[in-house]
Amino acid sequence: MKTHGSGTSKLLRELRSLNVVVYHPEDADGQELIAQLRRIGCHVKAFWPPRKSLPDETDLVFLAVRPEVASFDPAWSRRDDAPPVIVIVNYENPTMVESVLRLNAFGVVAAPVKSFGLLTTIVVARNQIERVRERVRYVAKLEQRLASQRKIAKAKTILMQTRSVSEEDAYKLIREQAMTKRVTTEEIADAIIKANDILSFDAKP
């Protein structure tokens, strides 16, 4: 079982392999941010204004929220595999807050940019995105398992009706066929359902 300590150590080790995209004007804050990221060991690519597409294998994005990009809403930010976004803000108003929420930011850095707190913000953002992805994977597995159970249940019902067997015996038939053919019970269930659909279609005329 992974402990919090080991998880933190892993996140810190990964910092030197991070591909970071910085969307920030070429000013003192932008230069300071890039310099601090490179001191940490990150591989940095900087652009301004923000682009609609990200370089391949981007692990983290820093984005300066400015009036000219307040409506920036890239398609990549809505992908399931989108990298975490940390925003840099130098003012506060409803428009800025709305922009931060729309980008689903995982961290906020206040301007002027300072070295203090930057490392922690990166680690927290990376930790949060990993937790989100773990939940997504967990939900996907649950949905797949539920779909499989429904398919097997439907196949059992077909066998119970066509073979006049009990639910237990129907499942045994599915399991035995799966073992004989060296496939999953879900695949056998799927074959039974498809065969029944074909036979039912042929029988209708």
N, C-alpha and C. Protein backbone atom coordinates (compact mmCIF):
# COMPACT_ATOMS: atom_id res chain seq x y z
N MET A 1 0.84 -1.20 0.00
CA MET A 1 0.00 0.00 0.00
C MET A 1 0.87 1.24 0.00
N LYS A 2 0.54 2.20 -0.89
CA LYS A 2 1.35 3.41 -1.00
C LYS A 2 1.07 4.36 0.14
N THR A 3 2.12 4.83 0.81
CA THR A 3 1.95 5.78 1.90
C THR A 3 2.03 7.19 1.34
N HIS A 4 1.58 8.14 2.16
CA HIS A 4 1.64 9.54 1.73
C HIS A 4 3.08 9.96 1.48
N GLY A 5 4.00 9.45 2.32
CA GLY A 5 5.40 9.81 2.17
C GLY A 5 5.98 9.33 0.87
N SER A 6 5.71 8.07 0.52
CA SER A 6 6.24 7.53 -0.71
C SER A 6 5.63 8.22 -1.92
N GLY A 7 4.32 8.59 -1.81
CA GLY A 7 3.66 9.30 -2.90
C GLY A 7 4.28 10.66 -3.13
N THR A 8 4.58 11.37 -2.03
CA THR A 8 5.20 12.69 -2.14
C THR A 8 6.59 12.58 -2.75
N SER A 9 7.37 11.59 -2.31
CA SER A 9 8.72 11.39 -2.85
C SER A 9 8.67 11.13 -4.34
N LYS A 10 7.69 10.35 -4.80
CA LYS A 10 7.54 10.06 -6.22
C LYS A 10 7.23 11.34 -7.00
N LEU A 11 6.32 12.15 -6.46
CA LEU A 11 5.98 13.41 -7.13
C LEU A 11 7.18 14.34 -7.23
N LEU A 12 7.98 14.38 -6.17
CA LEU A 12 9.17 15.24 -6.18
C LEU A 12 10.21 14.72 -7.17
N ARG A 13 10.36 13.40 -7.26
CA ARG A 13 11.32 12.83 -8.22
C ARG A 13 10.90 13.12 -9.65
N GLU A 14 9.60 13.14 -9.89
CA GLU A 14 9.10 13.34 -11.24
C GLU A 14 9.26 14.77 -11.74
N LEU A 15 9.55 15.71 -10.83
CA LEU A 15 9.63 17.12 -11.23
C LEU A 15 10.67 17.34 -12.33
N ARG A 16 11.78 16.62 -12.27
CA ARG A 16 12.86 16.82 -13.23
C ARG A 16 12.54 16.25 -14.60
N SER A 17 11.44 15.52 -14.71
CA SER A 17 11.05 14.97 -16.02
C SER A 17 9.78 15.63 -16.55
N LEU A 18 9.27 16.64 -15.84
CA LEU A 18 8.03 17.28 -16.26
C LEU A 18 8.23 18.18 -17.48
N ASN A 19 7.31 18.06 -18.44
CA ASN A 19 7.27 18.95 -19.59
C ASN A 19 6.23 20.02 -19.30
N VAL A 20 6.69 21.23 -19.06
CA VAL A 20 5.81 22.32 -18.63
C VAL A 20 5.66 23.36 -19.74
N VAL A 21 4.41 23.71 -20.00
CA VAL A 21 4.11 24.79 -20.96
C VAL A 21 3.73 26.03 -20.16
N VAL A 22 4.38 27.14 -20.48
CA VAL A 22 4.10 28.41 -19.81
C VAL A 22 3.49 29.37 -20.81
N TYR A 23 2.25 29.78 -20.54
CA TYR A 23 1.60 30.82 -21.33
C TYR A 23 1.65 32.10 -20.51
N HIS A 24 2.62 32.96 -20.82
CA HIS A 24 2.81 34.17 -20.03
C HIS A 24 3.48 35.23 -20.90
N PRO A 25 3.07 36.49 -20.76
CA PRO A 25 3.76 37.56 -21.51
C PRO A 25 5.25 37.58 -21.17
N GLU A 26 6.04 38.10 -22.10
CA GLU A 26 7.49 38.16 -21.90
C GLU A 26 7.84 39.37 -21.04
N ASP A 27 7.49 39.27 -19.76
CA ASP A 27 7.80 40.35 -18.83
C ASP A 27 8.60 39.78 -17.66
N ALA A 28 8.81 40.60 -16.63
CA ALA A 28 9.62 40.17 -15.48
C ALA A 28 9.01 38.95 -14.79
N ASP A 29 7.70 38.93 -14.63
CA ASP A 29 7.06 37.79 -13.99
C ASP A 29 7.22 36.52 -14.82
N GLY A 30 7.06 36.66 -16.14
CA GLY A 30 7.22 35.50 -17.00
C GLY A 30 8.64 34.95 -16.95
N GLN A 31 9.61 35.84 -16.97
CA GLN A 31 11.01 35.42 -16.90
C GLN A 31 11.32 34.76 -15.56
N GLU A 32 10.78 35.31 -14.48
CA GLU A 32 11.01 34.74 -13.14
C GLU A 32 10.38 33.35 -13.03
N LEU A 33 9.18 33.20 -13.55
CA LEU A 33 8.50 31.92 -13.51
C LEU A 33 9.29 30.86 -14.27
N ILE A 34 9.72 31.18 -15.48
CA ILE A 34 10.49 30.23 -16.29
C ILE A 34 11.80 29.88 -15.60
N ALA A 35 12.46 30.89 -15.03
CA ALA A 35 13.73 30.65 -14.34
C ALA A 35 13.54 29.72 -13.15
N GLN A 36 12.49 29.94 -12.37
CA GLN A 36 12.24 29.09 -11.20
C GLN A 36 11.91 27.66 -11.62
N LEU A 37 11.14 27.50 -12.67
CA LEU A 37 10.78 26.16 -13.14
C LEU A 37 12.02 25.41 -13.62
N ARG A 38 12.92 26.12 -14.29
CA ARG A 38 14.14 25.47 -14.77
C ARG A 38 15.08 25.15 -13.61
N ARG A 39 15.06 25.95 -12.57
CA ARG A 39 15.87 25.62 -11.39
C ARG A 39 15.36 24.34 -10.73
N ILE A 40 14.04 24.19 -10.73
CA ILE A 40 13.46 22.96 -10.18
C ILE A 40 13.88 21.75 -11.01
N GLY A 41 14.10 21.97 -12.31
CA GLY A 41 14.50 20.88 -13.20
C GLY A 41 13.51 20.57 -14.29
N CYS A 42 12.44 21.36 -14.39
CA CYS A 42 11.41 21.12 -15.39
C CYS A 42 11.89 21.51 -16.79
N HIS A 43 11.32 20.84 -17.79
CA HIS A 43 11.57 21.20 -19.19
C HIS A 43 10.48 22.18 -19.60
N VAL A 44 10.87 23.39 -19.95
CA VAL A 44 9.90 24.47 -20.14
C VAL A 44 9.84 24.92 -21.59
N LYS A 45 8.58 25.11 -22.05
CA LYS A 45 8.32 25.75 -23.34
C LYS A 45 7.39 26.92 -23.06
N ALA A 46 7.76 28.11 -23.55
CA ALA A 46 6.98 29.31 -23.25
C ALA A 46 6.38 29.90 -24.51
N PHE A 47 5.14 30.39 -24.38
CA PHE A 47 4.43 31.00 -25.51
C PHE A 47 3.57 32.16 -25.00
N TRP A 48 3.33 33.10 -25.89
CA TRP A 48 2.32 34.14 -25.65
C TRP A 48 1.96 34.76 -26.99
N PRO A 49 0.70 34.90 -27.28
CA PRO A 49 -0.47 34.53 -26.46
C PRO A 49 -0.67 33.01 -26.40
N PRO A 50 -1.60 32.55 -25.57
CA PRO A 50 -1.86 31.12 -25.45
C PRO A 50 -2.29 30.51 -26.78
N ARG A 51 -1.91 29.26 -26.98
CA ARG A 51 -2.27 28.55 -28.21
C ARG A 51 -3.45 27.61 -27.95
N LYS A 52 -4.16 27.32 -29.00
CA LYS A 52 -5.33 26.44 -28.88
C LYS A 52 -4.93 24.97 -28.73
N SER A 53 -3.71 24.64 -29.15
CA SER A 53 -3.23 23.26 -29.03
C SER A 53 -1.98 23.23 -28.17
N LEU A 54 -1.76 22.09 -27.53
CA LEU A 54 -0.60 21.92 -26.65
C LEU A 54 0.47 21.09 -27.34
N PRO A 55 1.74 21.33 -27.02
CA PRO A 55 2.79 20.43 -27.49
C PRO A 55 2.54 19.01 -26.96
N ASP A 56 3.02 18.03 -27.69
CA ASP A 56 2.86 16.65 -27.26
C ASP A 56 3.52 16.41 -25.90
N GLU A 57 2.91 15.51 -25.14
CA GLU A 57 3.45 15.07 -23.84
C GLU A 57 3.59 16.22 -22.84
N THR A 58 2.66 17.15 -22.86
CA THR A 58 2.66 18.23 -21.87
C THR A 58 2.13 17.70 -20.54
N ASP A 59 2.89 17.90 -19.47
CA ASP A 59 2.50 17.39 -18.15
C ASP A 59 1.85 18.45 -17.26
N LEU A 60 2.13 19.71 -17.54
CA LEU A 60 1.66 20.79 -16.67
C LEU A 60 1.60 22.09 -17.46
N VAL A 61 0.59 22.92 -17.17
CA VAL A 61 0.44 24.19 -17.87
C VAL A 61 0.35 25.33 -16.86
N PHE A 62 1.15 26.37 -17.07
CA PHE A 62 1.01 27.63 -16.33
C PHE A 62 0.39 28.63 -17.29
N LEU A 63 -0.67 29.29 -16.86
CA LEU A 63 -1.37 30.22 -17.72
C LEU A 63 -1.63 31.54 -17.01
N ALA A 64 -1.12 32.61 -17.58
CA ALA A 64 -1.38 33.95 -17.03
C ALA A 64 -2.77 34.40 -17.46
N VAL A 65 -3.63 34.71 -16.48
CA VAL A 65 -4.97 35.20 -16.79
C VAL A 65 -4.89 36.71 -16.95
N ARG A 66 -5.07 37.15 -18.19
CA ARG A 66 -5.01 38.57 -18.52
C ARG A 66 -6.29 38.96 -19.25
N PRO A 67 -6.65 40.23 -19.26
CA PRO A 67 -7.90 40.66 -19.91
C PRO A 67 -8.00 40.20 -21.36
N GLU A 68 -6.88 40.21 -22.09
CA GLU A 68 -6.93 39.85 -23.52
C GLU A 68 -7.17 38.36 -23.76
N VAL A 69 -7.02 37.55 -22.70
CA VAL A 69 -7.26 36.11 -22.86
C VAL A 69 -8.32 35.62 -21.86
N ALA A 70 -9.12 36.54 -21.37
CA ALA A 70 -10.11 36.18 -20.35
C ALA A 70 -11.11 35.15 -20.86
N SER A 71 -11.37 35.17 -22.18
CA SER A 71 -12.33 34.23 -22.75
C SER A 71 -11.64 32.99 -23.33
N PHE A 72 -10.36 32.83 -23.10
CA PHE A 72 -9.61 31.69 -23.62
C PHE A 72 -10.20 30.39 -23.08
N ASP A 73 -10.64 29.52 -23.98
CA ASP A 73 -11.29 28.28 -23.57
C ASP A 73 -10.88 27.17 -24.53
N PRO A 74 -9.65 26.69 -24.40
CA PRO A 74 -9.14 25.70 -25.36
C PRO A 74 -9.81 24.34 -25.21
N ALA A 75 -9.93 23.63 -26.34
CA ALA A 75 -10.57 22.30 -26.33
C ALA A 75 -9.77 21.31 -25.48
N TRP A 76 -8.44 21.46 -25.45
CA TRP A 76 -7.63 20.49 -24.72
C TRP A 76 -7.91 20.50 -23.21
N SER A 77 -8.40 21.66 -22.70
CA SER A 77 -8.65 21.76 -21.25
C SER A 77 -9.84 20.91 -20.82
N ARG A 78 -10.66 20.47 -21.78
CA ARG A 78 -11.84 19.66 -21.46
C ARG A 78 -11.63 18.17 -21.70
N ARG A 79 -10.44 17.80 -22.15
CA ARG A 79 -10.15 16.38 -22.37
C ARG A 79 -9.97 15.66 -21.04
N ASP A 80 -10.29 14.36 -21.04
CA ASP A 80 -10.12 13.57 -19.83
C ASP A 80 -8.65 13.46 -19.42
N ASP A 81 -7.76 13.50 -20.42
CA ASP A 81 -6.32 13.37 -20.13
C ASP A 81 -5.62 14.73 -20.11
N ALA A 82 -6.38 15.80 -19.96
CA ALA A 82 -5.78 17.14 -19.96
C ALA A 82 -4.81 17.31 -18.80
N PRO A 83 -3.67 17.98 -19.03
CA PRO A 83 -2.74 18.24 -17.93
C PRO A 83 -3.33 19.25 -16.97
N PRO A 84 -2.89 19.25 -15.72
CA PRO A 84 -3.40 20.25 -14.77
C PRO A 84 -2.94 21.65 -15.15
N VAL A 85 -3.80 22.62 -14.86
CA VAL A 85 -3.50 24.02 -15.18
C VAL A 85 -3.31 24.79 -13.87
N ILE A 86 -2.22 25.55 -13.81
CA ILE A 86 -1.98 26.48 -12.71
C ILE A 86 -2.03 27.88 -13.29
N VAL A 87 -2.89 28.72 -12.74
CA VAL A 87 -3.05 30.07 -13.30
C VAL A 87 -2.22 31.07 -12.51
N ILE A 88 -1.77 32.11 -13.22
CA ILE A 88 -1.06 33.22 -12.58
C ILE A 88 -1.96 34.44 -12.69
N VAL A 89 -2.29 35.02 -11.55
CA VAL A 89 -3.22 36.15 -11.55
C VAL A 89 -2.54 37.37 -10.91
N ASN A 90 -2.86 38.54 -11.45
CA ASN A 90 -2.33 39.78 -10.86
C ASN A 90 -3.44 40.74 -10.48
N TYR A 91 -4.67 40.26 -10.49
CA TYR A 91 -5.81 41.06 -10.04
C TYR A 91 -6.95 40.11 -9.73
N GLU A 92 -7.98 40.62 -9.09
CA GLU A 92 -9.14 39.81 -8.75
C GLU A 92 -10.41 40.57 -9.10
N ASN A 93 -11.23 39.94 -9.89
CA ASN A 93 -12.57 40.45 -10.17
C ASN A 93 -13.42 39.28 -10.66
N PRO A 94 -14.72 39.44 -10.81
CA PRO A 94 -15.58 38.32 -11.21
C PRO A 94 -15.17 37.67 -12.53
N THR A 95 -14.70 38.47 -13.50
CA THR A 95 -14.29 37.92 -14.79
C THR A 95 -13.10 37.00 -14.64
N MET A 96 -12.13 37.42 -13.82
CA MET A 96 -10.94 36.60 -13.59
C MET A 96 -11.32 35.30 -12.90
N VAL A 97 -12.16 35.39 -11.87
CA VAL A 97 -12.59 34.20 -11.13
C VAL A 97 -13.31 33.23 -12.08
N GLU A 98 -14.15 33.77 -12.95
CA GLU A 98 -14.88 32.94 -13.91
C GLU A 98 -13.90 32.23 -14.85
N SER A 99 -12.86 32.93 -15.28
CA SER A 99 -11.85 32.34 -16.15
C SER A 99 -11.11 31.20 -15.45
N VAL A 100 -10.76 31.42 -14.19
CA VAL A 100 -10.06 30.40 -13.41
C VAL A 100 -10.92 29.15 -13.27
N LEU A 101 -12.20 29.34 -12.98
CA LEU A 101 -13.10 28.19 -12.83
C LEU A 101 -13.32 27.47 -14.15
N ARG A 102 -13.45 28.23 -15.24
CA ARG A 102 -13.67 27.62 -16.55
C ARG A 102 -12.49 26.76 -16.97
N LEU A 103 -11.30 27.17 -16.61
CA LEU A 103 -10.10 26.41 -16.94
C LEU A 103 -9.87 25.23 -16.00
N ASN A 104 -10.74 25.11 -14.98
CA ASN A 104 -10.62 24.02 -14.01
C ASN A 104 -9.22 23.99 -13.40
N ALA A 105 -8.78 25.17 -12.95
CA ALA A 105 -7.42 25.30 -12.43
C ALA A 105 -7.19 24.44 -11.20
N PHE A 106 -5.99 23.87 -11.14
CA PHE A 106 -5.59 23.04 -10.00
C PHE A 106 -4.68 23.80 -9.04
N GLY A 107 -4.42 25.06 -9.34
CA GLY A 107 -3.59 25.87 -8.47
C GLY A 107 -3.58 27.31 -8.94
N VAL A 108 -3.28 28.22 -8.03
CA VAL A 108 -3.22 29.65 -8.34
C VAL A 108 -1.92 30.23 -7.79
N VAL A 109 -1.23 30.98 -8.63
CA VAL A 109 -0.01 31.68 -8.22
C VAL A 109 -0.27 33.17 -8.38
N ALA A 110 -0.03 33.93 -7.33
CA ALA A 110 -0.26 35.38 -7.38
C ALA A 110 0.97 36.10 -7.90
N ALA A 111 0.75 37.10 -8.72
CA ALA A 111 1.84 37.95 -9.19
C ALA A 111 2.03 39.10 -8.18
N PRO A 112 3.28 39.56 -7.99
CA PRO A 112 4.49 39.13 -8.68
C PRO A 112 4.94 37.72 -8.27
N VAL A 113 5.43 36.97 -9.24
CA VAL A 113 5.82 35.58 -9.01
C VAL A 113 7.04 35.52 -8.10
N LYS A 114 6.94 34.65 -7.11
CA LYS A 114 8.06 34.43 -6.18
C LYS A 114 8.38 32.94 -6.13
N SER A 115 9.58 32.64 -5.70
CA SER A 115 9.98 31.23 -5.63
C SER A 115 9.24 30.50 -4.51
N PHE A 116 8.92 31.21 -3.43
CA PHE A 116 8.26 30.57 -2.30
C PHE A 116 6.86 30.10 -2.69
N GLY A 117 6.58 28.86 -2.43
CA GLY A 117 5.26 28.30 -2.67
C GLY A 117 5.08 27.69 -4.04
N LEU A 118 6.00 27.96 -4.98
CA LEU A 118 5.84 27.46 -6.35
C LEU A 118 5.97 25.94 -6.40
N LEU A 119 6.98 25.42 -5.72
CA LEU A 119 7.19 23.97 -5.71
C LEU A 119 5.98 23.25 -5.10
N THR A 120 5.50 23.77 -3.98
CA THR A 120 4.34 23.16 -3.32
C THR A 120 3.11 23.19 -4.22
N THR A 121 2.91 24.30 -4.92
CA THR A 121 1.76 24.43 -5.82
C THR A 121 1.82 23.39 -6.93
N ILE A 122 3.01 23.16 -7.48
CA ILE A 122 3.17 22.17 -8.54
C ILE A 122 2.88 20.77 -8.02
N VAL A 123 3.45 20.43 -6.87
CA VAL A 123 3.26 19.09 -6.30
C VAL A 123 1.79 18.84 -5.97
N VAL A 124 1.12 19.85 -5.37
CA VAL A 124 -0.29 19.70 -5.04
C VAL A 124 -1.13 19.51 -6.30
N ALA A 125 -0.85 20.30 -7.35
CA ALA A 125 -1.60 20.18 -8.60
C ALA A 125 -1.41 18.81 -9.21
N ARG A 126 -0.18 18.31 -9.21
CA ARG A 126 0.09 16.98 -9.77
C ARG A 126 -0.59 15.89 -8.95
N ASN A 127 -0.59 16.06 -7.64
CA ASN A 127 -1.25 15.08 -6.77
C ASN A 127 -2.76 15.06 -7.00
N GLN A 128 -3.34 16.23 -7.15
CA GLN A 128 -4.79 16.33 -7.36
C GLN A 128 -5.21 15.74 -8.70
N ILE A 129 -4.43 15.99 -9.75
CA ILE A 129 -4.80 15.46 -11.06
C ILE A 129 -4.68 13.94 -11.07
N GLU A 130 -3.71 13.41 -10.33
CA GLU A 130 -3.56 11.95 -10.27
C GLU A 130 -4.74 11.34 -9.53
N ARG A 131 -5.20 12.00 -8.49
CA ARG A 131 -6.39 11.50 -7.77
C ARG A 131 -7.63 11.52 -8.65
N VAL A 132 -7.77 12.59 -9.43
CA VAL A 132 -8.90 12.68 -10.35
C VAL A 132 -8.84 11.55 -11.37
N ARG A 133 -7.66 11.31 -11.92
CA ARG A 133 -7.51 10.24 -12.93
C ARG A 133 -7.75 8.86 -12.33
N GLU A 134 -7.33 8.68 -11.09
CA GLU A 134 -7.59 7.41 -10.41
C GLU A 134 -9.09 7.18 -10.24
N ARG A 135 -9.82 8.23 -9.88
CA ARG A 135 -11.27 8.12 -9.74
C ARG A 135 -11.93 7.81 -11.08
N VAL A 136 -11.45 8.44 -12.14
CA VAL A 136 -11.99 8.19 -13.47
C VAL A 136 -11.76 6.74 -13.87
N ARG A 137 -10.56 6.23 -13.61
CA ARG A 137 -10.25 4.83 -13.95
C ARG A 137 -11.11 3.88 -13.11
N TYR A 138 -11.30 4.22 -11.84
CA TYR A 138 -12.10 3.38 -10.95
C TYR A 138 -13.56 3.33 -11.41
N VAL A 139 -14.11 4.48 -11.77
CA VAL A 139 -15.49 4.53 -12.25
C VAL A 139 -15.64 3.77 -13.55
N ALA A 140 -14.64 3.89 -14.43
CA ALA A 140 -14.68 3.17 -15.71
C ALA A 140 -14.69 1.66 -15.48
N LYS A 141 -13.89 1.19 -14.52
CA LYS A 141 -13.85 -0.23 -14.20
C LYS A 141 -15.20 -0.70 -13.64
N LEU A 142 -15.79 0.12 -12.77
CA LEU A 142 -17.10 -0.24 -12.21
C LEU A 142 -18.16 -0.32 -13.30
N GLU A 143 -18.13 0.64 -14.22
CA GLU A 143 -19.11 0.64 -15.32
C GLU A 143 -18.91 -0.58 -16.21
N GLN A 144 -17.65 -0.93 -16.46
CA GLN A 144 -17.36 -2.10 -17.29
C GLN A 144 -17.83 -3.38 -16.59
N ARG A 145 -17.59 -3.45 -15.28
CA ARG A 145 -18.01 -4.63 -14.52
C ARG A 145 -19.54 -4.74 -14.50
N LEU A 146 -20.21 -3.62 -14.34
CA LEU A 146 -21.67 -3.62 -14.32
C LEU A 146 -22.24 -4.05 -15.67
N ALA A 147 -21.63 -3.55 -16.74
CA ALA A 147 -22.07 -3.92 -18.09
C ALA A 147 -21.88 -5.42 -18.32
N SER A 148 -20.75 -5.94 -17.81
CA SER A 148 -20.48 -7.37 -17.95
C SER A 148 -21.50 -8.20 -17.18
N GLN A 149 -21.83 -7.77 -15.96
CA GLN A 149 -22.81 -8.49 -15.15
C GLN A 149 -24.19 -8.48 -15.81
N ARG A 150 -24.56 -7.35 -16.41
CA ARG A 150 -25.84 -7.26 -17.09
C ARG A 150 -25.88 -8.20 -18.30
N LYS A 151 -24.77 -8.27 -19.02
CA LYS A 151 -24.70 -9.14 -20.19
C LYS A 151 -24.81 -10.61 -19.79
N ILE A 152 -24.11 -10.99 -18.72
CA ILE A 152 -24.16 -12.37 -18.24
C ILE A 152 -25.57 -12.69 -17.73
N ALA A 153 -26.18 -11.73 -17.05
CA ALA A 153 -27.55 -11.94 -16.54
C ALA A 153 -28.52 -12.16 -17.70
N LYS A 154 -28.35 -11.40 -18.78
CA LYS A 154 -29.23 -11.56 -19.95
C LYS A 154 -29.01 -12.92 -20.60
N ALA A 155 -27.73 -13.34 -20.69
CA ALA A 155 -27.43 -14.64 -21.29
C ALA A 155 -28.00 -15.77 -20.44
N LYS A 156 -27.93 -15.63 -19.11
CA LYS A 156 -28.51 -16.65 -18.23
C LYS A 156 -30.02 -16.75 -18.43
N THR A 157 -30.68 -15.62 -18.58
CA THR A 157 -32.13 -15.61 -18.80
C THR A 157 -32.48 -16.33 -20.10
N ILE A 158 -31.67 -16.10 -21.14
CA ILE A 158 -31.90 -16.78 -22.42
C ILE A 158 -31.78 -18.28 -22.27
N LEU A 159 -30.73 -18.73 -21.58
CA LEU A 159 -30.51 -20.17 -21.37
C LEU A 159 -31.62 -20.76 -20.51
N MET A 160 -32.05 -20.04 -19.50
CA MET A 160 -33.12 -20.54 -18.62
C MET A 160 -34.42 -20.74 -19.41
N GLN A 161 -34.66 -19.85 -20.38
CA GLN A 161 -35.88 -19.94 -21.17
C GLN A 161 -35.78 -20.99 -22.27
N THR A 162 -34.62 -21.07 -22.90
CA THR A 162 -34.47 -21.98 -24.04
C THR A 162 -34.08 -23.39 -23.63
N ARG A 163 -33.38 -23.53 -22.52
CA ARG A 163 -32.93 -24.87 -22.06
C ARG A 163 -33.74 -25.39 -20.87
N SER A 164 -34.60 -24.55 -20.34
CA SER A 164 -35.41 -24.92 -19.15
C SER A 164 -34.51 -25.37 -18.00
N VAL A 165 -33.50 -24.54 -17.70
CA VAL A 165 -32.57 -24.84 -16.61
C VAL A 165 -32.68 -23.75 -15.55
N SER A 166 -32.12 -24.03 -14.38
CA SER A 166 -32.11 -23.04 -13.31
C SER A 166 -31.08 -21.96 -13.59
N GLU A 167 -31.14 -20.87 -12.82
CA GLU A 167 -30.16 -19.80 -12.99
C GLU A 167 -28.75 -20.29 -12.71
N GLU A 168 -28.63 -21.13 -11.67
CA GLU A 168 -27.32 -21.68 -11.32
C GLU A 168 -26.77 -22.54 -12.44
N ASP A 169 -27.60 -23.39 -13.01
CA ASP A 169 -27.15 -24.26 -14.10
C ASP A 169 -26.83 -23.45 -15.36
N ALA A 170 -27.58 -22.39 -15.58
CA ALA A 170 -27.32 -21.54 -16.74
C ALA A 170 -25.94 -20.90 -16.63
N TYR A 171 -25.60 -20.44 -15.43
CA TYR A 171 -24.28 -19.84 -15.25
C TYR A 171 -23.17 -20.89 -15.39
N LYS A 172 -23.45 -22.12 -14.92
CA LYS A 172 -22.47 -23.20 -15.07
C LYS A 172 -22.19 -23.48 -16.53
N LEU A 173 -23.26 -23.46 -17.35
CA LEU A 173 -23.08 -23.68 -18.79
C LEU A 173 -22.20 -22.59 -19.41
N ILE A 174 -22.44 -21.35 -19.01
CA ILE A 174 -21.63 -20.24 -19.52
C ILE A 174 -20.18 -20.38 -19.09
N ARG A 175 -19.98 -20.70 -17.83
CA ARG A 175 -18.62 -20.83 -17.30
C ARG A 175 -17.88 -22.00 -17.94
N GLU A 176 -18.57 -23.13 -18.12
CA GLU A 176 -17.94 -24.30 -18.75
C GLU A 176 -17.53 -24.01 -20.19
N GLN A 177 -18.40 -23.30 -20.91
CA GLN A 177 -18.06 -22.94 -22.29
C GLN A 177 -16.86 -21.99 -22.34
N ALA A 178 -16.82 -21.08 -21.38
CA ALA A 178 -15.70 -20.14 -21.32
C ALA A 178 -14.38 -20.86 -21.05
N MET A 179 -14.41 -21.84 -20.15
CA MET A 179 -13.21 -22.61 -19.84
C MET A 179 -12.79 -23.47 -21.02
N THR A 180 -13.76 -24.08 -21.68
CA THR A 180 -13.46 -24.94 -22.82
C THR A 180 -12.84 -24.15 -23.97
N LYS A 181 -13.41 -23.00 -24.24
CA LYS A 181 -12.94 -22.18 -25.37
C LYS A 181 -11.85 -21.19 -24.96
N ARG A 182 -11.52 -21.17 -23.67
CA ARG A 182 -10.47 -20.30 -23.15
C ARG A 182 -10.75 -18.82 -23.45
N VAL A 183 -11.96 -18.43 -23.17
CA VAL A 183 -12.36 -17.02 -23.30
C VAL A 183 -13.06 -16.63 -22.01
N THR A 184 -13.47 -15.37 -21.91
CA THR A 184 -14.14 -14.90 -20.70
C THR A 184 -15.62 -15.27 -20.72
N THR A 185 -16.22 -15.30 -19.55
CA THR A 185 -17.65 -15.57 -19.46
C THR A 185 -18.44 -14.47 -20.18
N GLU A 186 -17.90 -13.26 -20.18
CA GLU A 186 -18.58 -12.16 -20.87
C GLU A 186 -18.64 -12.41 -22.38
N GLU A 187 -17.56 -12.95 -22.94
CA GLU A 187 -17.54 -13.25 -24.37
C GLU A 187 -18.54 -14.34 -24.72
N ILE A 188 -18.65 -15.35 -23.86
CA ILE A 188 -19.64 -16.40 -24.10
C ILE A 188 -21.05 -15.83 -23.99
N ALA A 189 -21.27 -14.99 -22.99
CA ALA A 189 -22.57 -14.35 -22.81
C ALA A 189 -22.92 -13.52 -24.04
N ASP A 190 -21.95 -12.79 -24.56
CA ASP A 190 -22.17 -11.97 -25.74
C ASP A 190 -22.55 -12.83 -26.94
N ALA A 191 -21.89 -13.99 -27.09
CA ALA A 191 -22.18 -14.91 -28.20
C ALA A 191 -23.60 -15.47 -28.07
N ILE A 192 -24.00 -15.79 -26.84
CA ILE A 192 -25.35 -16.33 -26.61
C ILE A 192 -26.40 -15.29 -26.97
N ILE A 193 -26.17 -14.05 -26.56
CA ILE A 193 -27.12 -12.96 -26.84
C ILE A 193 -27.24 -12.72 -28.34
N LYS A 194 -26.10 -12.70 -29.04
CA LYS A 194 -26.12 -12.46 -30.48
C LYS A 194 -26.81 -13.61 -31.21
N ALA A 195 -26.50 -14.85 -30.79
CA ALA A 195 -27.15 -16.01 -31.42
C ALA A 195 -28.65 -15.98 -31.20
N ASN A 196 -29.06 -15.60 -30.00
CA ASN A 196 -30.49 -15.53 -29.70
C ASN A 196 -31.18 -14.45 -30.53
N ASP A 197 -30.49 -13.33 -30.71
CA ASP A 197 -31.05 -12.26 -31.53
C ASP A 197 -31.26 -12.71 -32.97
N ILE A 198 -30.26 -13.46 -33.49
CA ILE A 198 -30.36 -13.95 -34.87
C ILE A 198 -31.50 -14.95 -35.00
N LEU A 199 -31.58 -15.89 -34.07
CA LEU A 199 -32.63 -16.90 -34.10
C LEU A 199 -34.01 -16.27 -33.94
N SER A 200 -34.09 -15.27 -33.07
CA SER A 200 -35.37 -14.60 -32.86
C SER A 200 -35.79 -13.86 -34.10
N PHE A 201 -34.83 -13.27 -34.81
CA PHE A 201 -35.13 -12.56 -36.04
C PHE A 201 -35.61 -13.52 -37.12
N ASP A 202 -34.92 -14.69 -37.21
CA ASP A 202 -35.30 -15.69 -38.21
C ASP A 202 -36.69 -16.28 -37.91
N ALA A 203 -37.03 -16.35 -36.64
CA ALA A 203 -38.29 -16.98 -36.25
C ALA A 203 -39.49 -16.09 -36.47
N LYS A 204 -39.27 -14.76 -36.53
CA LYS A 204 -40.39 -13.83 -36.65
C LYS A 204 -41.21 -14.00 -37.92
N PRO A 205 -40.61 -14.16 -39.13
CA PRO A 205 -41.40 -14.36 -40.32
C PRO A 205 -42.22 -15.64 -40.26
